[in-house]
Protein backbone atom coordinates (compact mmCIF):
# COMPACT_ATOMS: atom_id res chain seq x y z
CA MET A 1 -46.76 34.88 -44.95
CA LEU A 2 -49.19 31.99 -44.74
CA ALA A 3 -52.57 32.14 -46.41
CA SER A 4 -55.49 32.69 -44.02
CA GLU A 5 -56.61 29.07 -44.30
CA ALA A 6 -53.11 27.79 -43.59
CA GLY A 7 -52.78 30.21 -40.67
CA ALA A 8 -55.99 28.88 -39.12
CA ARG A 9 -54.72 25.31 -39.53
CA ALA A 10 -51.45 26.27 -37.87
CA ARG A 11 -53.26 27.83 -34.89
CA ALA A 12 -55.43 24.75 -34.46
CA LEU A 13 -52.40 22.48 -34.70
CA ALA A 14 -50.40 24.43 -32.11
CA ALA A 15 -53.34 24.28 -29.71
CA SER A 16 -54.27 20.61 -30.18
CA ARG A 17 -50.77 19.10 -30.25
CA LEU A 18 -48.75 21.46 -28.04
CA GLY A 19 -51.41 23.23 -25.99
CA LEU A 20 -50.08 26.59 -27.24
CA ASP A 21 -52.42 29.54 -27.55
CA PHE A 22 -51.98 31.71 -30.66
CA GLN A 23 -54.93 34.01 -31.04
CA GLU A 24 -55.25 36.08 -34.20
CA ARG A 25 -53.41 39.00 -32.62
CA ARG A 26 -50.39 36.68 -32.22
CA GLN A 27 -50.62 35.28 -35.73
CA ALA A 28 -47.35 36.98 -36.71
CA ASP A 29 -45.51 35.25 -33.83
CA LEU A 30 -46.91 31.89 -34.90
CA GLU A 31 -45.95 32.37 -38.54
CA ARG A 32 -42.47 33.59 -37.66
CA GLY A 33 -41.81 30.50 -35.53
CA LEU A 34 -43.35 28.16 -38.07
CA LEU A 35 -41.25 29.59 -40.91
CA ARG A 36 -38.07 29.20 -38.87
CA ALA A 37 -38.96 25.58 -38.11
CA TRP A 38 -39.69 24.97 -41.80
CA ARG A 39 -36.31 26.40 -42.87
CA ALA A 40 -34.61 23.92 -40.52
CA SER A 41 -36.53 21.06 -42.19
CA PRO A 42 -36.03 19.34 -45.56
CA LEU A 43 -39.56 20.19 -46.74
CA PRO A 44 -39.84 22.38 -49.89
CA THR A 45 -42.55 24.84 -48.75
CA PRO A 46 -44.15 26.03 -45.48
CA GLU A 47 -47.45 24.50 -46.61
CA ALA A 48 -45.75 21.14 -47.15
CA TYR A 49 -44.20 21.38 -43.69
CA LEU A 50 -47.61 22.14 -42.17
CA ALA A 51 -49.21 19.18 -43.94
CA TRP A 52 -46.37 16.95 -42.76
CA LEU A 53 -46.89 18.12 -39.17
CA GLU A 54 -50.60 17.32 -39.32
CA ALA A 55 -49.79 13.70 -40.20
CA LEU A 56 -47.17 13.23 -37.47
CA PRO A 57 -47.98 11.12 -34.41
CA ASP A 58 -47.74 12.79 -31.01
CA GLU A 59 -44.58 10.87 -30.14
CA ASN A 60 -42.55 12.33 -33.02
CA PRO A 61 -39.67 14.51 -31.73
CA GLU A 62 -40.45 17.21 -34.32
CA TRP A 63 -43.13 18.52 -31.94
CA GLY A 64 -40.45 19.35 -29.40
CA ARG A 65 -38.38 21.12 -32.03
CA LEU A 66 -41.39 23.12 -33.19
CA ALA A 67 -42.24 24.11 -29.61
CA GLY A 68 -38.73 25.49 -29.29
CA TRP A 69 -39.36 27.79 -32.26
CA LEU A 70 -42.80 28.89 -31.07
CA THR A 71 -41.87 29.84 -27.50
CA VAL A 72 -39.30 32.17 -26.00
CA GLY A 73 -36.58 30.27 -24.15
CA GLU A 74 -34.84 33.38 -22.80
CA THR A 75 -33.69 32.88 -19.22
CA TYR A 76 -30.75 33.70 -16.95
CA PHE A 77 -29.32 32.86 -13.56
CA PHE A 78 -31.08 34.30 -10.48
CA ARG A 79 -33.95 35.52 -12.62
CA ASP A 80 -36.62 37.46 -10.70
CA ARG A 81 -34.86 38.68 -7.57
CA ALA A 82 -38.04 38.63 -5.46
CA CYS A 83 -38.64 34.98 -6.27
CA VAL A 84 -35.03 34.02 -5.57
CA GLU A 85 -35.04 35.84 -2.24
CA ALA A 86 -38.25 34.11 -1.18
CA LEU A 87 -36.73 30.75 -2.10
CA GLU A 88 -33.41 31.37 -0.38
CA ARG A 89 -34.66 33.12 2.75
CA GLU A 90 -37.97 31.40 3.42
CA VAL A 91 -39.14 28.42 1.39
CA LEU A 92 -35.97 26.34 1.04
CA PRO A 93 -34.88 26.91 4.68
CA SER A 94 -38.35 25.89 5.87
CA LEU A 95 -38.22 22.69 3.81
CA ILE A 96 -34.71 21.92 5.05
CA ALA A 97 -35.72 22.52 8.68
CA ALA A 98 -38.76 20.27 8.32
CA ARG A 99 -36.68 17.45 6.84
CA ARG A 100 -34.06 17.79 9.57
CA ALA A 101 -36.80 17.59 12.22
CA GLU A 102 -38.18 14.45 10.56
CA GLY A 103 -34.73 12.90 10.30
CA ILE A 104 -35.21 12.53 6.54
CA PRO A 105 -32.44 14.43 4.72
CA ARG A 106 -34.16 14.45 1.35
CA LEU A 107 -35.41 17.19 -0.98
CA ARG A 108 -37.11 16.90 -4.36
CA LEU A 109 -37.21 19.99 -6.60
CA TRP A 110 -38.43 20.31 -10.19
CA SER A 111 -37.76 23.03 -12.76
CA ALA A 112 -40.57 22.40 -15.25
CA GLY A 113 -39.69 24.17 -18.49
CA CYS A 114 -36.01 24.61 -17.66
CA SER A 115 -34.87 25.84 -21.10
CA THR A 116 -31.05 26.02 -21.15
CA GLY A 117 -30.66 25.22 -17.46
CA GLU A 118 -30.17 28.52 -15.67
CA GLU A 119 -33.16 28.04 -13.36
CA PRO A 120 -32.42 24.52 -12.05
CA CYS A 121 -28.75 25.39 -11.68
CA THR A 122 -29.73 28.47 -9.66
CA LEU A 123 -31.66 26.10 -7.37
CA ALA A 124 -28.59 23.87 -7.11
CA ILE A 125 -26.42 26.86 -6.15
CA LEU A 126 -28.91 27.92 -3.47
CA LEU A 127 -29.01 24.41 -2.02
CA ASP A 128 -25.23 24.18 -2.01
CA ARG A 129 -25.15 27.43 -0.05
CA LEU A 130 -27.91 26.43 2.40
CA LEU A 131 -26.68 22.88 3.07
CA PRO A 132 -23.19 22.77 4.57
CA ASP A 133 -23.75 19.01 4.96
CA ARG A 134 -25.06 18.56 1.41
CA ALA A 135 -23.14 15.30 0.97
CA ALA A 136 -25.39 13.73 3.62
CA TRP A 137 -28.56 14.68 1.73
CA SER A 138 -30.44 13.01 -1.09
CA ILE A 139 -31.14 15.88 -3.48
CA THR A 140 -33.24 15.68 -6.63
CA VAL A 141 -33.21 18.72 -8.93
CA LEU A 142 -35.23 17.54 -11.91
CA ALA A 143 -34.95 19.80 -14.97
CA THR A 144 -37.30 19.12 -17.88
CA ASP A 145 -38.14 20.77 -21.17
CA ILE A 146 -39.76 19.81 -24.46
CA ASN A 147 -36.95 21.48 -26.42
CA LEU A 148 -34.15 18.94 -26.85
CA GLU A 149 -31.70 21.52 -28.20
CA ALA A 150 -32.14 23.61 -25.04
CA LEU A 151 -31.61 20.52 -22.86
CA GLU A 152 -28.45 19.60 -24.75
CA SER A 153 -27.14 23.11 -24.18
CA ALA A 154 -28.04 22.91 -20.48
CA ARG A 155 -26.13 19.68 -20.05
CA ARG A 156 -22.95 21.29 -21.39
CA GLY A 157 -23.05 23.95 -18.65
CA LEU A 158 -21.48 26.71 -20.78
CA TYR A 159 -22.95 30.21 -20.61
CA ARG A 160 -22.28 33.65 -21.98
CA GLU A 161 -21.95 36.84 -19.99
CA TRP A 162 -25.57 37.76 -20.73
CA ALA A 163 -26.86 34.70 -18.81
CA LEU A 164 -25.01 35.96 -15.71
CA ARG A 165 -26.27 39.54 -15.81
CA GLU A 166 -28.17 39.21 -12.51
CA THR A 167 -25.72 36.84 -10.85
CA PRO A 168 -24.09 38.14 -7.64
CA ALA A 169 -20.32 38.54 -7.70
CA TRP A 170 -19.80 35.91 -4.99
CA THR A 171 -21.65 33.39 -7.13
CA ARG A 172 -19.54 34.08 -10.20
CA GLU A 173 -16.34 33.70 -8.20
CA LYS A 174 -17.37 30.47 -6.49
CA TYR A 175 -19.42 28.61 -9.08
CA PHE A 176 -18.18 29.71 -12.50
CA ARG A 177 -14.88 29.44 -14.32
CA ARG A 178 -14.10 31.74 -17.22
CA ARG A 179 -13.35 29.79 -20.40
CA ASP A 180 -12.69 32.74 -22.67
CA ALA A 181 -13.68 36.38 -23.04
CA GLN A 182 -17.39 35.57 -23.40
CA THR A 183 -17.89 32.06 -22.02
CA PHE A 184 -18.24 30.81 -18.45
CA GLU A 185 -18.36 27.17 -17.32
CA LEU A 186 -20.61 26.22 -14.42
CA ASP A 187 -19.00 24.24 -11.62
CA PRO A 188 -19.34 20.54 -12.62
CA GLY A 189 -20.39 19.53 -9.11
CA VAL A 190 -23.32 21.94 -9.19
CA ARG A 191 -24.21 21.01 -12.76
CA ARG A 192 -24.37 17.33 -11.79
CA MET A 193 -26.97 18.15 -9.14
CA ALA A 194 -29.50 18.77 -11.93
CA ALA A 195 -30.97 15.81 -13.82
CA PHE A 196 -32.02 16.96 -17.31
CA ALA A 197 -34.78 15.03 -19.05
CA PRO A 198 -37.23 15.64 -21.91
CA LEU A 199 -40.86 16.16 -20.93
CA ASN A 200 -43.86 17.81 -22.58
CA LEU A 201 -45.88 19.72 -19.97
CA ALA A 202 -48.91 19.68 -22.28
CA ALA A 203 -48.92 15.86 -22.27
CA ASP A 204 -50.35 13.53 -19.64
CA ILE A 205 -46.95 11.96 -18.85
CA TYR A 206 -46.83 13.31 -15.31
CA PRO A 207 -47.05 13.01 -12.39
CA SER A 208 -45.59 9.54 -12.42
CA MET A 209 -42.94 7.69 -10.47
CA LEU A 210 -41.66 6.43 -13.82
CA THR A 211 -40.79 9.93 -15.01
CA ASN A 212 -39.55 10.94 -11.54
CA THR A 213 -42.23 13.64 -11.38
CA SER A 214 -44.06 12.80 -8.16
CA SER A 215 -43.71 13.74 -4.48
CA MET A 216 -42.06 17.08 -5.27
CA ASP A 217 -41.30 19.52 -2.45
CA LEU A 218 -40.95 22.44 -4.86
CA ILE A 219 -41.97 22.94 -8.49
CA LEU A 220 -40.91 25.98 -10.49
CA CYS A 221 -43.05 26.37 -13.61
CA ARG A 222 -42.39 29.94 -14.70
CA ASN A 223 -43.13 31.57 -18.06
CA VAL A 224 -44.56 28.34 -19.46
CA LEU A 225 -48.27 28.42 -18.70
CA MET A 226 -48.56 31.85 -20.32
CA TYR A 227 -48.16 30.18 -23.73
CA PHE A 228 -50.89 27.58 -23.15
CA THR A 229 -54.54 27.66 -24.06
CA ARG A 230 -56.89 28.02 -21.10
CA GLY A 231 -57.77 24.34 -21.23
CA ALA A 232 -54.12 23.31 -21.42
CA GLN A 233 -53.34 25.60 -18.48
CA ARG A 234 -56.00 23.98 -16.30
CA ALA A 235 -54.86 20.48 -17.23
CA ALA A 236 -51.18 21.26 -16.60
CA VAL A 237 -51.85 22.91 -13.23
CA ALA A 238 -53.97 19.94 -12.14
CA ARG A 239 -51.10 17.58 -12.99
CA LEU A 240 -48.52 19.80 -11.30
CA ARG A 241 -50.67 19.96 -8.17
CA ARG A 242 -50.84 16.15 -8.06
CA ALA A 243 -47.06 16.04 -8.43
CA LEU A 244 -46.58 18.01 -5.20
CA ALA A 245 -45.84 16.34 -1.89
CA PRO A 246 -48.05 17.36 1.06
CA GLY A 247 -46.98 20.87 2.01
CA GLY A 248 -45.08 21.30 -1.27
CA TRP A 249 -44.76 24.59 -3.16
CA LEU A 250 -45.61 25.59 -6.75
CA VAL A 251 -44.05 28.74 -8.20
CA ALA A 252 -45.26 30.48 -11.36
CA SER A 253 -44.23 33.82 -12.84
CA PRO A 254 -46.03 36.99 -11.68
CA ALA A 255 -47.76 37.23 -15.07
CA GLU A 256 -49.22 33.74 -14.54
CA ALA A 257 -50.33 34.21 -10.92
CA SER A 258 -54.03 33.37 -10.58
CA THR A 259 -55.75 32.21 -7.42
CA GLU A 260 -58.60 30.85 -9.53
CA LEU A 261 -56.29 28.85 -11.83
CA PHE A 262 -54.20 27.39 -9.00
CA ARG A 263 -57.08 26.60 -6.64
CA PRO A 264 -57.14 24.59 -4.34
CA LEU A 265 -53.47 25.44 -3.76
CA ALA A 266 -53.21 28.12 -1.09
CA PRO A 267 -51.54 31.41 -2.17
CA VAL A 268 -48.74 32.65 0.10
CA ASN A 269 -47.54 36.23 -0.37
CA PHE A 270 -43.87 37.17 -0.24
CA PRO A 271 -42.46 40.63 -1.08
CA GLY A 272 -42.90 40.92 -4.83
CA ALA A 273 -43.84 37.24 -5.29
CA ILE A 274 -46.78 34.87 -4.82
CA PHE A 275 -46.17 31.17 -4.26
CA TYR A 276 -48.80 28.43 -4.04
CA ARG A 277 -48.78 25.78 -1.35
CA ASN A 278 -50.23 22.29 -1.40
CA GLY A 279 -52.47 22.55 1.63
CA PRO A 280 -56.07 23.39 2.42
CA ALA A 281 -57.30 26.89 1.66
CA SER A 282 -57.37 27.53 5.42
CA ALA A 283 -53.67 26.71 5.83
CA PRO A 284 -52.19 28.72 8.71
CA PRO A 285 -50.63 32.04 7.73
CA LEU A 286 -46.98 32.89 8.10
CA PRO A 287 -46.09 33.53 11.75
CA ARG A 288 -45.63 37.26 11.23
CA THR A 289 -46.47 39.81 8.59
CA TRP A 290 -43.89 41.23 6.26
CA GLU A 291 -44.56 44.70 7.61
CA GLU A 292 -43.33 43.52 11.03
CA GLU A 293 -39.99 42.28 9.71
CA PRO A 294 -36.75 43.91 10.74
CA ALA A 295 -34.73 45.58 8.02
CA ARG A 296 -32.92 43.10 5.78
CA PRO A 297 -29.22 43.21 4.99
CA PRO A 298 -28.36 43.62 1.31
CA TRP A 299 -28.99 40.42 -0.62
CA PRO A 300 -27.48 37.83 -0.47
CA GLY A 301 -26.46 38.36 3.15
CA PRO A 302 -27.53 35.73 5.67
CA LEU A 303 -30.93 36.02 7.29
CA PRO A 304 -32.51 33.55 9.75
CA PRO A 305 -35.33 31.71 8.01
CA VAL A 306 -38.94 32.32 8.94
CA GLU A 307 -40.54 29.23 10.43
CA ILE A 308 -43.44 28.30 8.18
CA PRO A 309 -45.96 25.95 9.79
CA ALA A 310 -46.36 22.59 8.14
CA ALA A 311 -49.46 22.22 6.00
CA PRO A 312 -52.00 19.97 7.74
CA ILE A 313 -52.10 16.44 6.36
CA PRO A 314 -55.21 14.27 6.82
CA PRO A 315 -54.43 11.41 9.23
CA ALA A 316 -53.88 8.05 7.61
CA ALA A 317 -54.90 4.70 8.99
CA PRO A 318 -52.20 3.12 11.18
CA LEU A 319 -49.75 1.25 9.00
CA GLU A 320 -49.64 -1.66 11.45
CA SER A 321 -53.27 -2.43 10.71
CA VAL A 322 -52.41 -3.56 7.17
CA LEU A 323 -49.11 -5.34 7.78
CA PRO A 324 -49.03 -9.14 8.04
CA GLY A 325 -48.17 -10.51 11.43
CA ASN A 326 -50.29 -7.95 13.29
CA GLU A 327 -53.63 -9.71 12.93
CA GLU A 328 -54.46 -9.08 16.57
CA LYS A 329 -54.57 -5.35 15.78
CA ALA A 330 -56.86 -5.70 12.77
CA PRO A 331 -60.33 -7.26 12.64
CA GLU A 332 -59.73 -8.61 9.14
CA PRO A 333 -57.14 -11.15 7.97
CA ALA A 334 -53.85 -9.81 6.68
CA PRO A 335 -54.26 -8.55 3.10
CA GLY A 336 -52.75 -10.42 0.20
CA THR A 337 -49.85 -9.28 -1.91
CA GLU A 338 -52.07 -7.49 -4.43
CA THR A 339 -53.83 -5.47 -1.73
CA LEU A 340 -50.55 -4.55 -0.08
CA LEU A 341 -49.18 -3.32 -3.41
CA GLN A 342 -52.31 -1.30 -4.16
CA GLN A 343 -52.10 0.39 -0.77
CA GLY A 344 -48.35 0.87 -1.13
CA ARG A 345 -48.70 2.50 -4.55
CA SER A 346 -51.44 4.77 -3.23
CA LEU A 347 -49.26 5.87 -0.31
CA ALA A 348 -46.27 6.42 -2.60
CA GLY A 349 -48.40 8.58 -4.88
CA ARG A 350 -49.22 10.78 -1.87
CA GLY A 351 -45.57 11.11 -0.95
CA GLU A 352 -45.72 8.83 2.11
CA LEU A 353 -42.68 6.91 0.98
CA GLU A 354 -41.63 5.29 4.26
CA LYS A 355 -45.07 3.73 4.80
CA ALA A 356 -45.26 2.72 1.14
CA ARG A 357 -41.87 1.02 1.36
CA ARG A 358 -42.88 -0.97 4.43
CA LEU A 359 -45.99 -2.22 2.65
CA CYS A 360 -43.95 -3.11 -0.43
CA GLU A 361 -41.43 -5.02 1.67
CA ALA A 362 -44.30 -6.82 3.40
CA ALA A 363 -45.63 -7.86 -0.01
CA LEU A 364 -42.18 -9.13 -0.98
CA ALA A 365 -41.99 -11.10 2.26
CA GLN A 366 -45.12 -12.92 1.11
CA GLU A 367 -43.96 -13.37 -2.49
CA ARG A 368 -40.33 -12.60 -3.27
CA LEU A 369 -40.70 -13.41 -6.98
CA ASP A 370 -43.28 -10.71 -7.64
CA ALA A 371 -42.09 -8.47 -10.49
CA GLU A 372 -44.62 -5.70 -9.73
CA ALA A 373 -43.55 -5.52 -6.09
CA ASN A 374 -39.90 -5.23 -7.11
CA LEU A 375 -40.79 -2.49 -9.60
CA LEU A 376 -42.68 -0.52 -6.95
CA LEU A 377 -39.78 -0.95 -4.52
CA ALA A 378 -37.41 0.41 -7.18
CA GLU A 379 -39.64 3.45 -7.75
CA ILE A 380 -39.81 4.19 -4.03
CA CYS A 381 -36.06 3.75 -3.57
CA LEU A 382 -35.42 6.14 -6.46
CA GLU A 383 -37.58 8.84 -4.87
CA GLN A 384 -35.76 8.25 -1.58
CA GLY A 385 -32.44 8.75 -3.35
CA GLU A 386 -31.25 5.15 -2.86
CA ILE A 387 -29.95 4.53 -6.36
CA ALA A 388 -28.14 1.24 -5.66
CA ALA A 389 -31.22 -0.27 -4.03
CA ALA A 390 -33.41 0.94 -6.90
CA LEU A 391 -31.10 -0.66 -9.48
CA GLU A 392 -31.03 -3.95 -7.58
CA ALA A 393 -34.83 -4.09 -7.39
CA LEU A 394 -35.10 -3.21 -11.09
CA ARG A 395 -32.73 -5.95 -12.16
CA THR A 396 -34.84 -8.43 -10.21
CA ALA A 397 -38.04 -7.08 -11.78
CA ILE A 398 -36.59 -7.37 -15.30
CA TYR A 399 -35.31 -10.89 -14.59
CA LEU A 400 -38.83 -11.92 -13.49
CA ALA A 401 -40.61 -9.98 -16.28
CA PRO A 402 -38.22 -9.37 -19.22
CA ASP A 403 -40.92 -7.54 -21.21
CA SER A 404 -41.80 -5.07 -18.45
CA VAL A 405 -41.85 -1.69 -20.21
CA PRO A 406 -41.96 0.35 -16.96
CA ALA A 407 -38.97 -1.52 -15.53
CA HIS A 408 -36.83 -0.93 -18.63
CA PHE A 409 -37.94 2.71 -18.79
CA LEU A 410 -37.11 3.38 -15.15
CA LEU A 411 -33.78 1.58 -15.52
CA GLY A 412 -32.91 3.65 -18.58
CA GLY A 413 -33.80 6.89 -16.83
CA ILE A 414 -31.64 6.07 -13.81
CA LEU A 415 -28.65 4.98 -15.90
CA LEU A 416 -28.82 8.10 -18.07
CA ARG A 417 -28.98 10.35 -15.00
CA GLU A 418 -26.04 8.49 -13.48
CA GLY A 419 -23.95 9.02 -16.63
CA ASP A 420 -24.06 5.41 -17.89
CA HIS A 421 -25.18 6.52 -21.34
CA LYS A 422 -24.45 3.27 -23.18
CA ARG A 423 -26.56 1.02 -20.97
CA GLY A 424 -29.17 3.74 -20.45
CA ARG A 425 -29.62 4.10 -24.19
CA ARG A 426 -29.89 0.32 -24.57
CA ALA A 427 -32.68 0.25 -21.96
CA MET A 428 -34.58 3.05 -23.75
CA GLU A 429 -34.15 1.23 -27.06
CA THR A 430 -35.75 -1.80 -25.45
CA VAL A 431 -38.67 0.37 -24.33
CA ALA A 432 -39.14 1.68 -27.87
CA ARG A 433 -38.95 -1.84 -29.33
CA LEU A 434 -41.56 -3.15 -26.89
CA LEU A 435 -43.93 -0.21 -27.39
CA GLU A 436 -43.80 0.29 -31.15
CA PRO A 437 -46.35 -2.49 -31.92
CA ALA A 438 -48.75 -1.29 -29.18
CA PRO A 439 -51.76 0.96 -29.95
CA PRO A 440 -50.80 4.53 -28.88
CA GLY A 441 -53.84 4.91 -26.62
CA GLU A 442 -53.34 1.63 -24.79
CA VAL A 443 -52.45 1.99 -21.10
CA VAL A 444 -49.14 0.34 -20.26
CA PRO A 445 -49.56 -2.08 -17.32
CA GLY A 446 -47.75 -0.94 -14.17
CA SER A 447 -47.14 2.58 -15.52
CA ASP A 448 -49.45 4.74 -13.35
CA GLY A 449 -51.91 4.98 -16.24
CA LEU A 450 -49.46 6.21 -18.90
CA THR A 451 -50.32 5.29 -22.48
CA ALA A 452 -48.03 3.49 -24.90
CA GLY A 453 -47.89 6.54 -27.18
CA ARG A 454 -46.85 8.95 -24.42
CA LEU A 455 -44.26 6.59 -22.99
CA LEU A 456 -42.87 5.90 -26.47
CA GLU A 457 -42.70 9.66 -27.13
CA THR A 458 -40.66 10.18 -23.97
CA ALA A 459 -38.36 7.22 -24.60
CA ARG A 460 -37.62 8.44 -28.13
CA ALA A 461 -36.96 11.94 -26.79
CA HIS A 462 -34.39 10.47 -24.39
CA LEU A 463 -32.76 8.64 -27.31
CA ASP A 464 -32.74 11.77 -29.47
CA LEU A 465 -31.17 13.76 -26.65
CA GLN A 466 -28.46 11.14 -26.25
CA ALA A 467 -27.82 11.15 -30.00
CA MET A 468 -27.41 14.94 -29.90
CA ASP A 469 -25.07 14.91 -26.92
CA GLY A 470 -21.64 16.02 -28.04
CA ARG A 471 -22.52 16.65 -31.66
CA GLY A 472 -25.69 18.79 -31.73
CA ASP A 473 -28.58 18.40 -34.14
CA ALA A 474 -27.89 19.05 -37.82
CA ARG A 475 -31.45 20.33 -38.35
CA ARG A 476 -31.38 23.16 -35.85
CA ALA A 477 -30.62 26.70 -36.89
CA TRP A 478 -27.90 27.47 -34.33
CA LYS A 479 -24.52 25.78 -34.21
CA PRO A 480 -23.53 23.19 -31.58
CA GLU A 481 -20.71 25.36 -30.25
CA GLU A 482 -23.04 28.23 -29.45
CA VAL A 483 -23.79 28.83 -25.78
CA ARG A 484 -26.35 30.92 -23.92
């Protein structure tokens, strides 16, 4: 056991560096996790490990390892039946119908705090079931966690029987292959739908187009906020809210549901679940009450989706009024490249990608050799699922500005997600090399306000995850061959 003074230091450290709340009644949980982390380290005593932690910069990957010891990563497929039913029967079908009506076959989903991958892969299975024309869609299922060991396990896609305890039989038969008496392998096509990346939800690294965490249609952040201090909860929810597209949905666990915490997101009640929607508090209700519903067939039988009205979006100024060549429609002269880019980035941050892209292309028509315009075009193309176009714009941006940290970071992220680990790692190494001399608190130009320290932390986490891939981490307490 730690001495009282050391215990107080540990509580303060967990709160300030990781946003984790360990009140005195949870002191035993904190000490147990800290002792396990110490035993996996080369330090001689728990007190020495604690002193070493206090001197570590925020970007050191040890913080992610420690968070893994201090939180419970237990999860399984199709966890929380009420939540899954609401997603499959109502929310996802409504998003799909809205995109079909708009003629934009694109969905962006984020499992924030994905642990070993069961949650994002459940989303991928649901989408595969709901989209018979899935090949025609641009699907993003972002899966992030601070725990690199959990992410490495998720990327392998191997699970034990216990992780499938709530999985319907049809799902096991279609999406899993038995490897041995205890191990199941997830269908590779479904596993590839999820893009796994390191991210600390207690850090101000999101939302950002660089980290692919903006314009999300659906964010699942379940059983994460419950570990945070009240201040860290408020900060994380504010960032998650900004990461939502207009009309997007945020899902927390029932224990975390709080209208006050999630305000101004509008609560929407489903049987046994509360979701939060990115719309005004007066957003229209569902078209009929649950009490009026006909009896449902046993899950997961088909059920026509409920039509959920689109959340009202404040009208924007006509795009034509800011495009060059339409001066007769605007009282002022056509804006310059810088103004076009500012307006384009603002629109992209609000999820209005088509308008943002037109502004960006207008800026490039004025000045083709503008590195910032090419970078913004790459970010927009990535969110629209146009990987080839994003890579082309990034290569141009890097040619024009070889020291552009955001361009190298975005390039590395895309290459790693696409499976080009060698070139992706080289791009992240370039990011680390460029950022290491910079003051940690300095804002990186062109990065949506991200600091050098936070971006360096994320780049190093990507590199650590790549180094672990296929061999595991020698410092962790469980063996690489173990599966969940």
